[in-house]
Protein backbone atom coordinates (compact mmCIF):
# COMPACT_ATOMS: atom_id res chain seq x y z
CA MET A 1 84.18 -49.69 -168.46
CA ALA A 2 87.59 -49.11 -170.17
CA ARG A 3 87.86 -46.09 -172.05
CA MET A 4 89.41 -45.40 -175.54
CA LEU A 5 92.11 -43.56 -175.79
CA TYR A 6 93.98 -42.41 -178.78
CA SER A 7 97.49 -40.95 -178.37
CA VAL A 8 100.27 -40.47 -181.47
CA SER A 9 103.33 -38.73 -181.42
CA MET A 10 103.60 -36.56 -184.06
CA SER A 11 105.98 -33.96 -185.54
CA VAL A 12 104.70 -29.61 -185.39
CA ASP A 13 104.01 -30.11 -189.01
CA GLY A 14 101.91 -32.57 -188.29
CA PHE A 15 103.79 -35.61 -189.59
CA ILE A 16 103.49 -39.00 -187.94
CA ALA A 17 105.95 -41.14 -189.62
CA GLY A 18 108.28 -40.29 -192.43
CA SER A 19 109.00 -41.93 -195.59
CA ASN A 20 108.23 -45.64 -196.35
CA GLY A 21 106.77 -45.24 -191.87
CA ASP A 22 110.27 -44.40 -191.16
CA MET A 23 110.38 -43.88 -187.20
CA GLY A 24 113.49 -42.96 -186.66
CA TRP A 25 112.78 -38.73 -185.79
CA LEU A 26 110.95 -39.99 -183.14
CA THR A 27 114.68 -41.45 -181.30
CA ASP A 28 115.82 -37.79 -180.12
CA TYR A 29 112.50 -37.63 -178.25
CA LEU A 30 112.66 -39.99 -176.39
CA GLY A 31 113.30 -40.69 -172.58
CA PRO A 32 112.31 -39.57 -169.46
CA ASN A 33 108.90 -38.26 -169.74
CA PRO A 34 105.94 -37.68 -167.17
CA ALA A 35 103.15 -37.21 -169.63
CA VAL A 36 103.77 -40.56 -170.78
CA ASP A 37 104.68 -42.75 -167.47
CA ASN A 38 101.43 -41.36 -166.34
CA LEU A 39 99.73 -42.57 -169.14
CA ILE A 40 101.11 -45.43 -169.30
CA THR A 41 99.73 -46.80 -166.04
CA GLU A 42 96.17 -45.93 -167.39
CA VAL A 43 96.46 -48.31 -170.08
CA GLY A 44 95.16 -52.15 -169.74
CA ALA A 45 94.88 -53.11 -173.27
CA ILE A 46 96.03 -51.58 -176.61
CA LEU A 47 94.93 -51.55 -179.80
CA VAL A 48 96.78 -51.03 -182.66
CA GLY A 49 97.00 -51.55 -186.14
CA ASN A 50 98.84 -54.25 -188.22
CA ARG A 51 101.23 -51.63 -189.57
CA THR A 52 101.83 -49.13 -186.32
CA PHE A 53 102.71 -53.09 -184.68
CA GLY A 54 105.51 -54.48 -187.53
CA GLY A 55 106.32 -51.16 -188.27
CA ASP A 56 109.28 -49.06 -187.81
CA ASP A 57 111.02 -48.86 -184.74
CA PRO A 58 112.28 -45.66 -182.83
CA ASP A 59 113.95 -48.36 -180.78
CA LYS A 60 115.59 -50.62 -183.04
CA GLU A 61 118.82 -52.46 -182.27
CA THR A 62 118.36 -51.45 -178.66
CA GLU A 63 117.06 -53.40 -175.88
CA GLN A 64 113.11 -52.09 -175.53
CA GLU A 65 113.06 -52.62 -179.58
CA GLY A 66 109.57 -54.71 -180.07
CA GLU A 67 108.57 -53.66 -177.26
CA ALA A 68 104.98 -50.91 -176.47
CA PHE A 69 106.17 -48.01 -174.87
CA GLY A 70 109.72 -48.80 -175.02
CA GLY A 71 109.39 -51.14 -172.07
CA GLY A 72 107.51 -49.72 -170.05
CA TRP A 73 103.84 -50.95 -170.45
CA SER A 74 103.09 -54.78 -170.86
CA GLY A 75 99.76 -56.27 -171.44
CA PRO A 76 97.78 -57.02 -174.48
CA GLN A 77 98.09 -56.56 -177.21
CA PHE A 78 95.14 -56.41 -179.98
CA VAL A 79 96.27 -56.52 -183.82
CA LEU A 80 93.98 -55.55 -186.53
CA ALA A 81 94.79 -57.60 -189.59
CA HIS A 82 93.86 -58.92 -192.03
CA ASN A 83 95.62 -62.23 -191.59
CA ALA A 84 97.24 -63.18 -188.68
CA PRO A 85 101.43 -64.79 -188.47
CA ALA A 86 102.34 -68.23 -188.91
CA LYS A 87 104.19 -67.95 -185.83
CA PRO A 88 101.93 -67.02 -182.85
CA VAL A 89 103.19 -63.48 -180.86
CA ALA A 90 103.07 -63.39 -177.33
CA GLY A 91 100.78 -61.56 -175.37
CA VAL A 92 99.44 -60.66 -178.65
CA THR A 93 96.00 -61.19 -180.45
CA PHE A 94 95.42 -60.66 -184.20
CA VAL A 95 91.50 -59.65 -184.84
CA HIS A 96 90.04 -59.39 -187.71
CA ASP A 97 87.09 -56.66 -187.80
CA ILE A 98 87.50 -53.30 -185.81
CA GLU A 99 83.88 -54.31 -183.57
CA THR A 100 85.36 -57.35 -182.68
CA ALA A 101 89.12 -55.17 -181.40
CA ILE A 102 87.13 -52.65 -179.84
CA GLU A 103 84.84 -55.39 -177.74
CA LYS A 104 87.65 -57.74 -176.72
CA SER A 105 90.22 -55.05 -175.74
CA LYS A 106 87.97 -52.98 -173.76
CA GLU A 107 87.35 -56.27 -171.53
CA ALA A 108 90.86 -56.77 -171.69
CA ALA A 109 92.05 -53.77 -170.65
CA ALA A 110 89.10 -54.10 -167.04
CA ASP A 111 87.45 -51.08 -165.22
CA LYS A 112 88.84 -47.76 -165.39
CA LYS A 113 91.81 -48.29 -167.38
CA TYR A 114 92.26 -47.50 -170.92
CA VAL A 115 92.49 -48.82 -174.07
CA ASN A 116 95.32 -47.23 -175.91
CA VAL A 117 94.57 -46.96 -179.74
CA LEU A 118 97.56 -46.43 -182.00
CA GLY A 119 97.74 -46.21 -185.68
CA ALA A 120 95.30 -44.19 -187.78
CA ASN A 121 93.61 -45.76 -189.09
CA VAL A 122 92.32 -47.79 -186.35
CA ALA A 123 91.76 -44.10 -184.68
CA ARG A 124 89.70 -43.21 -187.98
CA GLY A 125 87.73 -46.75 -188.09
CA CYS A 126 86.85 -46.62 -184.44
CA ARG A 127 85.30 -43.21 -183.94
CA PRO A 128 81.93 -43.92 -185.79
CA LEU A 129 82.05 -47.61 -184.32
CA VAL A 130 82.57 -46.05 -180.88
CA LEU A 131 80.30 -43.12 -181.08
CA TRP A 132 77.60 -45.78 -182.61
CA MET A 133 78.22 -48.51 -179.82
CA ARG A 134 78.20 -45.89 -176.90
CA PHE A 135 81.52 -47.24 -175.37
């Protein structure tokens, strides 16, 4: 059964994003990273919050803009959002509640793969449910 994994990039002082969700601070740290490269091979699906999904991209204005892990990963993505966009996004499923989002992302990740959770609010929402649901 798929397992849930929360991953995050943050500054030493504990900030994930700058003012107004700015992720530009991360740009200097992008590049080859064996830990990230190993993680990517174990990710079967991504569960992400709407603000993180539509937020600032450290790869903006590059070929990797809008791509998970800078284009190093592809697969099913589930976005927890109150409203799906009017125009569908290829490879992305918008889900309205956390229980359904966990269930669908774990099914998509397949056995022995991770659901990579992105977004602090989504991770916070998963914690009591994952413990309660015994995933």
